[in-house]
């Protein structure tokens, strides 16, 4: 082939590669990766609405067995879950066999055992929906409705790393107290005509109980992950000090990510990209309190970062705490699949999808309009941040192809 012809072919190839990259940058449908991501997005949309009162048919398995079989190293539930509505319905209605104080932690919760031996975490309502939590971005009590909303956002983003959560109303007199341990019962009290409890935790105080409306308490139930998947706790590399006047290194060292990349498990495998996904997730929900995180034990850094404990979210719809995005803007990298999903959700699609998903929940409405609007606004901020990274260092160094799909054991 003559030199001129070779140059023409080379230019044509470079032009095609450039066009493909442009499609990718804007979340277009031009690349094979984008087409895969679009198919996954359409599947999510198709399964977003859940039927109220759904039940399991044509199976002898309990809803807990089905949910347990879903769990794998890289997902809590699979991409397609036709039984999800039935499992969540069972969570919101199954008989409570036992009630105890919550496991270790700083916030009030109760540990319940449902019919069939399934453990769940109950977080009680502490605020009205329109209450705005002022102060630091991690201030205030846990918000039970935030747990519900965060689970459905996890579905919409396609991460599938959050344990199943559903809202539930419980009668403290008839459902909880008859099966409660002495330790939990000792924390019950009355305030006027309302039954209250304050439980056992670091910040639990008799003077600050959670109170029902009469005997009926609204809360959230989080499905306990199977015991065959024990958890390992890690200090978050972008955790806060929680000390006035004392900054963490990442808050003053813009090259901090370079140091993180040299430390296991962030020096190889998917964990650092999981941290960045989680930063995006937390920024959208306003969660500045992820000082630790969990993965599965003995995973060698290969398992997912599990999105547990999202209740310090949706506190102030007017506050966009940019520091939550530090892993993204300091490392300037993001999964191609995450970038594609964010682009599909622009233009109000995210808030619309959340409305659709949350309409199923027994404690609907889960979020107020200002919180839904904040999701769209914060999404625009994430997209802008990624584009700034692309402009600064190029798409090849910013958009990372990582589709680790480990087989279930």
Protein backbone atom coordinates (compact mmCIF):
# COMPACT_ATOMS: atom_id res chain seq x y z
CA UNK A 1 0.00 0.00 0.00
CA UNK A 2 1.34 3.39 -0.94
CA UNK A 3 2.28 5.86 1.78
CA UNK A 4 -0.54 8.26 0.83
CA UNK A 5 -3.12 5.48 1.07
CA UNK A 6 -1.74 4.40 4.42
CA UNK A 7 -2.03 7.94 5.73
CA UNK A 8 -5.66 8.13 4.57
CA UNK A 9 -6.49 4.84 6.31
CA UNK A 10 -4.71 5.97 9.46
CA UNK A 11 -6.61 9.25 9.50
CA UNK A 12 -9.90 7.44 9.00
CA UNK A 13 -9.16 5.09 11.92
CA UNK A 14 -8.22 8.01 14.17
CA UNK A 15 -11.40 9.83 13.16
CA UNK A 16 -13.53 6.79 14.05
CA UNK A 17 -11.77 6.41 17.39
CA UNK A 18 -12.32 10.08 18.11
CA UNK A 19 -16.02 9.87 17.27
CA UNK A 20 -16.39 6.79 19.48
CA UNK A 21 -14.74 8.65 22.35
CA UNK A 22 -17.05 11.63 21.87
CA UNK A 23 -20.04 9.33 22.13
CA UNK A 24 -18.57 7.85 25.29
CA UNK A 25 -17.87 11.22 26.90
CA UNK A 26 -21.46 12.28 26.53
CA UNK A 27 -22.96 8.93 27.49
CA UNK A 28 -23.97 8.29 23.91
CA UNK A 29 -24.86 5.03 22.25
CA UNK A 30 -21.95 4.91 19.84
CA UNK A 31 -19.66 2.41 21.57
CA UNK A 32 -20.20 -1.22 22.47
CA UNK A 33 -19.73 -0.32 26.13
CA UNK A 34 -22.38 2.38 25.91
CA UNK A 35 -24.80 0.02 24.20
CA UNK A 36 -24.31 -2.51 27.00
CA UNK A 37 -24.84 0.21 29.56
CA UNK A 38 -27.99 1.36 27.78
CA UNK A 39 -29.41 -2.17 27.79
CA UNK A 40 -28.70 -2.40 31.53
CA UNK A 41 -30.39 0.97 32.05
CA UNK A 42 -33.48 -0.12 30.15
CA UNK A 43 -33.67 -3.29 32.27
CA UNK A 44 -33.53 -1.17 35.41
CA UNK A 45 -36.28 1.09 34.11
CA UNK A 46 -38.48 -1.89 33.24
CA UNK A 47 -38.17 -3.34 36.73
CA UNK A 48 -38.35 -0.08 38.66
CA UNK A 49 -42.04 -0.12 39.56
CA UNK A 50 -42.86 -2.72 42.20
CA UNK A 51 -46.30 -4.16 42.85
CA UNK A 52 -47.71 -3.59 46.31
CA UNK A 53 -48.79 -6.72 48.14
CA UNK A 54 -46.79 -9.01 45.84
CA UNK A 55 -46.44 -12.62 46.97
CA UNK A 56 -44.19 -15.51 46.03
CA UNK A 57 -45.73 -18.22 43.91
CA UNK A 58 -44.42 -21.39 42.27
CA UNK A 59 -41.66 -21.84 44.83
CA UNK A 60 -41.20 -23.64 48.11
CA UNK A 61 -38.43 -21.26 49.14
CA UNK A 62 -38.98 -18.55 51.72
CA UNK A 63 -38.37 -14.93 50.73
CA UNK A 64 -35.32 -14.96 53.00
CA UNK A 65 -33.83 -17.95 51.18
CA UNK A 66 -34.35 -16.26 47.83
CA UNK A 67 -32.71 -13.02 48.97
CA UNK A 68 -29.83 -14.97 50.52
CA UNK A 69 -29.12 -16.70 47.22
CA UNK A 70 -28.90 -13.37 45.43
CA UNK A 71 -25.80 -12.27 47.35
CA UNK A 72 -22.44 -12.56 45.61
CA UNK A 73 -18.99 -10.99 45.89
CA UNK A 74 -19.96 -8.07 43.66
CA UNK A 75 -23.70 -7.68 44.26
CA UNK A 76 -26.33 -7.92 47.00
CA UNK A 77 -29.05 -8.62 44.45
CA UNK A 78 -28.87 -9.38 40.73
CA UNK A 79 -29.72 -7.17 37.79
CA UNK A 80 -33.09 -8.85 37.28
CA UNK A 81 -35.09 -9.64 40.41
CA UNK A 82 -38.71 -10.48 39.61
CA UNK A 83 -39.18 -11.59 43.24
CA UNK A 84 -37.99 -8.28 44.72
CA UNK A 85 -41.47 -6.87 45.33
CA UNK A 86 -42.54 -10.06 47.12
CA UNK A 87 -39.42 -10.10 49.30
CA UNK A 88 -39.92 -6.44 50.29
CA UNK A 89 -43.61 -7.08 50.97
CA UNK A 90 -42.64 -9.93 53.29
CA UNK A 91 -40.18 -7.63 55.06
CA UNK A 92 -42.92 -5.07 55.63
CA UNK A 93 -45.50 -7.54 56.92
CA UNK A 94 -43.90 -10.69 58.37
CA UNK A 95 -44.61 -11.48 62.02
CA UNK A 96 -41.97 -10.29 64.47
CA UNK A 97 -40.68 -13.19 66.59
CA UNK A 98 -38.13 -11.36 68.72
CA UNK A 99 -37.00 -7.81 69.45
CA UNK A 100 -33.74 -6.73 71.06
CA UNK A 101 -31.51 -3.69 71.37
CA UNK A 102 -29.44 -2.93 68.29
CA UNK A 103 -25.91 -4.05 67.62
CA UNK A 104 -22.97 -1.78 68.38
CA UNK A 105 -23.16 1.75 67.02
CA UNK A 106 -23.80 5.38 67.80
CA UNK A 107 -27.46 5.62 66.73
CA UNK A 108 -30.72 4.17 67.99
CA UNK A 109 -31.88 0.98 66.34
CA UNK A 110 -33.48 -2.35 67.26
CA UNK A 111 -32.59 -5.83 66.11
CA UNK A 112 -35.68 -7.80 65.13
CA UNK A 113 -36.14 -11.41 64.11
CA UNK A 114 -38.97 -12.07 61.67
CA UNK A 115 -41.01 -15.20 61.11
CA UNK A 116 -38.65 -17.83 59.73
CA UNK A 117 -35.64 -16.60 61.69
CA UNK A 118 -34.65 -13.67 59.45
CA UNK A 119 -32.77 -10.88 61.25
CA UNK A 120 -33.49 -7.27 60.32
CA UNK A 121 -32.45 -3.86 61.61
CA UNK A 122 -35.26 -1.50 62.61
CA UNK A 123 -34.55 2.25 62.56
CA UNK A 124 -37.35 4.39 64.02
CA UNK A 125 -38.71 7.65 62.70
CA UNK A 126 -37.12 10.65 64.41
CA UNK A 127 -38.12 13.55 62.16
CA UNK A 128 -41.07 14.69 60.09
CA UNK A 129 -40.42 14.50 56.35
CA UNK A 130 -40.01 18.24 55.87
CA UNK A 131 -37.65 18.70 58.82
CA UNK A 132 -34.33 20.23 57.75
CA UNK A 133 -31.25 19.13 59.69
CA UNK A 134 -29.03 22.18 60.17
CA UNK A 135 -25.37 22.32 61.10
CA UNK A 136 -22.61 19.95 60.00
CA UNK A 137 -23.44 17.67 57.04
CA UNK A 138 -23.30 14.67 59.40
CA UNK A 139 -25.45 16.25 62.12
CA UNK A 140 -28.67 14.92 63.60
CA UNK A 141 -30.29 11.57 64.25
CA UNK A 142 -30.45 8.77 61.72
CA UNK A 143 -33.24 9.22 59.17
CA UNK A 144 -35.18 5.98 58.57
CA UNK A 145 -36.64 7.23 55.28
CA UNK A 146 -33.10 7.90 54.06
CA UNK A 147 -32.36 4.18 54.32
CA UNK A 148 -35.36 3.42 52.11
CA UNK A 149 -34.49 6.09 49.56
CA UNK A 150 -30.81 5.11 49.45
CA UNK A 151 -31.68 1.49 48.66
CA UNK A 152 -33.77 2.50 45.68
CA UNK A 153 -31.10 4.94 44.47
CA UNK A 154 -28.67 2.00 44.58
CA UNK A 155 -31.06 0.14 42.26
CA UNK A 156 -31.32 3.11 39.90
CA UNK A 157 -27.56 3.65 39.72
CA UNK A 158 -27.07 -0.02 38.94
CA UNK A 159 -24.59 -0.56 41.78
CA UNK A 160 -26.67 -3.25 43.56
CA UNK A 161 -24.47 -3.01 46.66
CA UNK A 162 -27.04 -1.92 49.28
CA UNK A 163 -28.93 -4.39 51.49
CA UNK A 164 -32.67 -4.54 50.91
CA UNK A 165 -34.67 -1.91 52.83
CA UNK A 166 -38.38 -1.23 53.20
CA UNK A 167 -40.51 1.09 55.32
CA UNK A 168 -42.81 -0.42 57.91
CA UNK A 169 -45.31 0.58 60.57
CA UNK A 170 -45.11 -1.46 63.77
CA UNK A 171 -47.41 -1.56 66.76
CA UNK A 172 -45.11 -1.30 69.76
CA UNK A 173 -47.72 -2.70 72.17
CA UNK A 174 -48.81 -5.75 70.18
CA UNK A 175 -45.82 -6.51 67.90
CA UNK A 176 -42.72 -5.46 69.84
CA UNK A 177 -43.22 -5.48 73.61
CA UNK A 178 -44.60 -9.07 73.85
CA UNK A 179 -41.45 -10.45 72.15
CA UNK A 180 -38.91 -7.91 73.42
CA UNK A 181 -35.91 -8.79 75.57
CA UNK A 182 -35.70 -7.37 79.09
CA UNK A 183 -32.86 -5.13 77.95
CA UNK A 184 -35.01 -3.52 75.26
CA UNK A 185 -38.12 -3.39 77.46
CA UNK A 186 -36.19 -1.50 80.14
CA UNK A 187 -35.82 1.42 77.70
CA UNK A 188 -39.55 1.86 77.02
CA UNK A 189 -41.39 4.85 78.45
CA UNK A 190 -44.44 7.00 77.85
CA UNK A 191 -44.54 10.62 76.76
CA UNK A 192 -48.15 11.68 77.06
CA UNK A 193 -50.14 9.10 75.10
CA UNK A 194 -47.17 8.08 72.96
CA UNK A 195 -45.09 4.95 73.53
CA UNK A 196 -41.36 5.57 73.23
CA UNK A 197 -38.03 3.74 73.58
CA UNK A 198 -34.42 4.84 73.65
CA UNK A 199 -32.55 1.55 73.26
CA UNK A 200 -28.84 0.99 73.82
CA UNK A 201 -26.19 2.80 71.78
CA UNK A 202 -23.37 5.30 72.20
CA UNK A 203 -25.62 8.33 71.87
CA UNK A 204 -28.84 6.76 73.21
CA UNK A 205 -30.32 8.77 76.07
CA UNK A 206 -33.49 8.39 78.12
CA UNK A 207 -34.06 12.09 77.50
CA UNK A 208 -34.00 11.57 73.69
CA UNK A 209 -36.27 8.61 72.91
CA UNK A 210 -37.95 7.78 69.62
CA UNK A 211 -41.71 8.02 70.02
CA UNK A 212 -44.60 6.42 68.22
CA UNK A 213 -47.83 8.18 67.40
CA UNK A 214 -49.79 6.48 70.11
CA UNK A 215 -48.62 2.89 69.72
CA UNK A 216 -47.82 2.94 66.00
CA UNK A 217 -44.21 3.64 65.10
CA UNK A 218 -42.95 4.29 61.59
CA UNK A 219 -39.50 3.00 60.69
CA UNK A 220 -37.32 1.19 58.20
CA UNK A 221 -36.31 -2.46 58.08
CA UNK A 222 -32.95 -3.46 56.60
CA UNK A 223 -32.48 -7.10 55.67
CA UNK A 224 -29.51 -8.66 57.47
CA UNK A 225 -26.94 -10.08 55.08
CA UNK A 226 -26.51 -13.89 55.21
CA UNK A 227 -24.17 -15.24 57.88
CA UNK A 228 -22.24 -17.11 55.18
CA UNK A 229 -21.04 -13.70 54.01
CA UNK A 230 -19.31 -12.28 57.10
CA UNK A 231 -18.34 -8.63 56.92
CA UNK A 232 -15.00 -6.93 57.39
CA UNK A 233 -14.84 -3.30 58.52
CA UNK A 234 -12.38 -0.84 57.00
CA UNK A 235 -11.48 2.72 57.83
CA UNK A 236 -12.50 4.92 54.92
CA UNK A 237 -9.41 6.56 53.37
CA UNK A 238 -11.40 9.79 52.97
CA UNK A 239 -12.90 9.69 56.48
CA UNK A 240 -13.33 12.84 58.54
CA UNK A 241 -11.65 13.52 61.89
CA UNK A 242 -14.86 14.79 63.54
CA UNK A 243 -12.63 17.13 65.56
CA UNK A 244 -13.05 20.87 65.33
CA UNK A 245 -9.94 22.51 63.92
CA UNK A 246 -8.29 19.21 62.94
CA UNK A 247 -8.29 18.32 59.24
CA UNK A 248 -7.77 14.91 57.73
CA UNK A 249 -4.91 14.70 55.23
CA UNK A 250 -7.25 14.54 52.23
CA UNK A 251 -8.75 17.89 53.26
CA UNK A 252 -5.50 19.78 52.67
CA UNK A 253 -3.39 17.52 50.41
CA UNK A 254 -4.66 17.62 46.82
CA UNK A 255 -2.23 14.83 45.88
CA UNK A 256 -3.65 12.54 48.56
CA UNK A 257 -5.07 10.09 46.02
CA UNK A 258 -1.55 9.29 44.81
CA UNK A 259 -0.74 8.04 48.31
CA UNK A 260 -3.96 6.02 48.49
CA UNK A 261 -3.14 4.30 45.21
CA UNK A 262 -0.01 2.86 46.80
CA UNK A 263 -1.87 1.26 49.72
CA UNK A 264 -3.64 -2.12 49.57
CA UNK A 265 -6.41 -2.82 48.73
CA UNK A 266 -6.50 0.39 46.64
CA UNK A 267 -3.32 -0.38 44.69
CA UNK A 268 -5.02 -3.09 42.62
CA UNK A 269 -8.47 -4.50 41.92
CA UNK A 270 -11.83 -2.72 42.04
CA UNK A 271 -11.78 -1.21 45.54
CA UNK A 272 -10.66 2.33 44.67
CA UNK A 273 -13.27 2.56 41.92
CA UNK A 274 -15.83 1.30 44.44
CA UNK A 275 -14.80 4.12 46.79
CA UNK A 276 -15.33 6.62 43.97
CA UNK A 277 -18.73 5.11 43.11
CA UNK A 278 -19.63 5.39 46.78
CA UNK A 279 -18.53 9.03 46.89
CA UNK A 280 -20.92 9.78 44.03
CA UNK A 281 -23.70 7.85 45.77
CA UNK A 282 -23.07 9.65 49.07
CA UNK A 283 -22.91 13.07 47.42
CA UNK A 284 -26.28 12.50 45.76
CA UNK A 285 -27.93 11.56 49.07
CA UNK A 286 -25.97 14.07 51.17
CA UNK A 287 -24.21 11.48 53.33
CA UNK A 288 -21.00 12.93 54.80
CA UNK A 289 -20.76 10.31 57.55
CA UNK A 290 -19.11 7.29 55.89
CA UNK A 291 -16.09 7.14 58.20
CA UNK A 292 -15.83 3.35 57.80
CA UNK A 293 -17.13 0.88 55.25
CA UNK A 294 -17.71 -2.86 55.00
CA UNK A 295 -16.71 -5.51 52.51
CA UNK A 296 -16.87 -9.27 52.71
CA UNK A 297 -14.14 -10.93 54.74
CA UNK A 298 -10.98 -12.42 53.24
CA UNK A 299 -11.80 -10.97 49.86
CA UNK A 300 -8.31 -9.83 48.95
CA UNK A 301 -9.81 -6.52 47.88
CA UNK A 302 -12.01 -8.14 45.24
CA UNK A 303 -15.41 -7.87 46.89
CA UNK A 304 -17.62 -4.82 46.62
CA UNK A 305 -17.77 -1.94 49.05
CA UNK A 306 -21.17 -2.64 50.62
CA UNK A 307 -23.46 0.37 50.95
CA UNK A 308 -24.57 -0.22 54.53
CA UNK A 309 -25.83 2.43 56.95
CA UNK A 310 -27.08 5.29 54.79
CA UNK A 311 -29.30 6.94 57.39
CA UNK A 312 -27.27 10.15 57.77
CA UNK A 313 -28.65 11.24 54.41
CA UNK A 314 -31.37 13.48 53.02
CA UNK A 315 -31.04 15.84 55.98
CA UNK A 316 -30.77 19.20 54.22
CA UNK A 317 -31.91 19.48 50.59
CA UNK A 318 -30.28 22.90 50.22
CA UNK A 319 -26.80 21.71 51.22
CA UNK A 320 -24.55 20.23 48.53
CA UNK A 321 -21.49 19.13 50.51
CA UNK A 322 -18.83 19.03 47.80
CA UNK A 323 -16.17 17.53 50.07
CA UNK A 324 -18.03 14.22 49.85
CA UNK A 325 -16.84 14.05 46.23
CA UNK A 326 -13.15 14.27 47.20
CA UNK A 327 -12.32 10.72 46.00
CA UNK A 328 -13.72 11.64 42.59
CA UNK A 329 -12.11 15.04 42.08
CA UNK A 330 -8.78 14.09 43.69
CA UNK A 331 -8.36 10.78 41.83
CA UNK A 332 -10.10 12.07 38.68
CA UNK A 333 -11.26 8.62 37.59
CA UNK A 334 -14.62 6.91 37.22
CA UNK A 335 -15.93 3.66 35.81
CA UNK A 336 -17.22 3.86 32.26
CA UNK A 337 -20.41 2.08 33.36
CA UNK A 338 -20.99 4.59 36.17
CA UNK A 339 -20.36 7.52 33.81
CA UNK A 340 -22.83 6.12 31.29
CA UNK A 341 -25.49 5.61 33.95
CA UNK A 342 -25.08 9.17 35.25
CA UNK A 343 -25.56 10.54 31.75
CA UNK A 344 -28.71 8.46 31.24
CA UNK A 345 -30.11 9.99 34.45
CA UNK A 346 -29.58 13.64 33.51
CA UNK A 347 -32.35 16.10 32.74
CA UNK A 348 -34.69 15.15 35.59
CA UNK A 349 -34.66 11.43 34.82
CA UNK A 350 -33.11 10.64 38.22
CA UNK A 351 -35.80 12.32 40.31
CA UNK A 352 -38.52 10.84 38.10
CA UNK A 353 -37.07 7.35 38.56
CA UNK A 354 -36.89 7.87 42.32
CA UNK A 355 -40.53 8.94 42.45
CA UNK A 356 -41.48 5.82 40.54
CA UNK A 357 -39.44 3.48 42.72
CA UNK A 358 -40.49 5.00 46.05
CA UNK A 359 -44.22 4.95 45.22
CA UNK A 360 -44.22 1.25 46.18
CA UNK A 361 -43.05 1.72 49.75
CA UNK A 362 -45.51 1.42 52.66
CA UNK A 363 -44.28 4.72 54.18
CA UNK A 364 -44.75 6.66 50.91
CA UNK A 365 -44.10 9.54 50.40
CA UNK A 366 -40.53 8.71 51.34
CA UNK A 367 -38.90 11.99 50.21
CA UNK A 368 -40.18 15.54 49.86
CA UNK A 369 -40.01 17.41 46.56
CA UNK A 370 -36.98 19.51 47.65
CA UNK A 371 -34.96 16.34 48.28
CA UNK A 372 -35.93 14.92 44.89
CA UNK A 373 -34.93 18.19 43.21
CA UNK A 374 -31.62 18.09 45.10
CA UNK A 375 -30.82 14.72 43.50
CA UNK A 376 -31.02 16.24 40.01
CA UNK A 377 -29.03 19.29 41.03
CA UNK A 378 -26.28 17.23 42.66
CA UNK A 379 -26.14 14.91 39.66
CA UNK A 380 -25.33 17.94 37.50
CA UNK A 381 -22.50 18.73 39.90
CA UNK A 382 -21.07 15.23 39.56
CA UNK A 383 -21.23 15.37 35.76
CA UNK A 384 -19.49 18.75 35.76
CA UNK A 385 -16.74 17.39 38.00
CA UNK A 386 -16.09 14.43 35.70
CA UNK A 387 -15.98 16.69 32.65
CA UNK A 388 -13.43 18.90 34.40
CA UNK A 389 -11.27 15.82 34.99
CA UNK A 390 -11.57 14.82 31.33
CA UNK A 391 -10.54 18.31 30.24
CA UNK A 392 -7.58 18.31 32.63
CA UNK A 393 -6.11 14.86 31.97
CA UNK A 394 -7.96 13.39 29.00
CA UNK A 395 -10.63 10.69 28.74
CA UNK A 396 -8.23 7.74 28.68
CA UNK A 397 -6.97 8.59 32.18
CA UNK A 398 -10.42 9.45 33.54
CA UNK A 399 -12.84 6.84 32.17
CA UNK A 400 -11.84 3.42 33.44
CA UNK A 401 -13.25 0.21 31.98
CA UNK A 402 -13.85 -2.11 34.94
CA UNK A 403 -16.53 -4.78 34.69
CA UNK A 404 -15.43 -7.33 37.22
CA UNK A 405 -18.07 -10.07 37.40
CA UNK A 406 -16.96 -12.78 39.79
CA UNK A 407 -18.86 -16.08 39.78
CA UNK A 408 -20.81 -16.98 42.90
CA UNK A 409 -19.10 -19.62 45.03
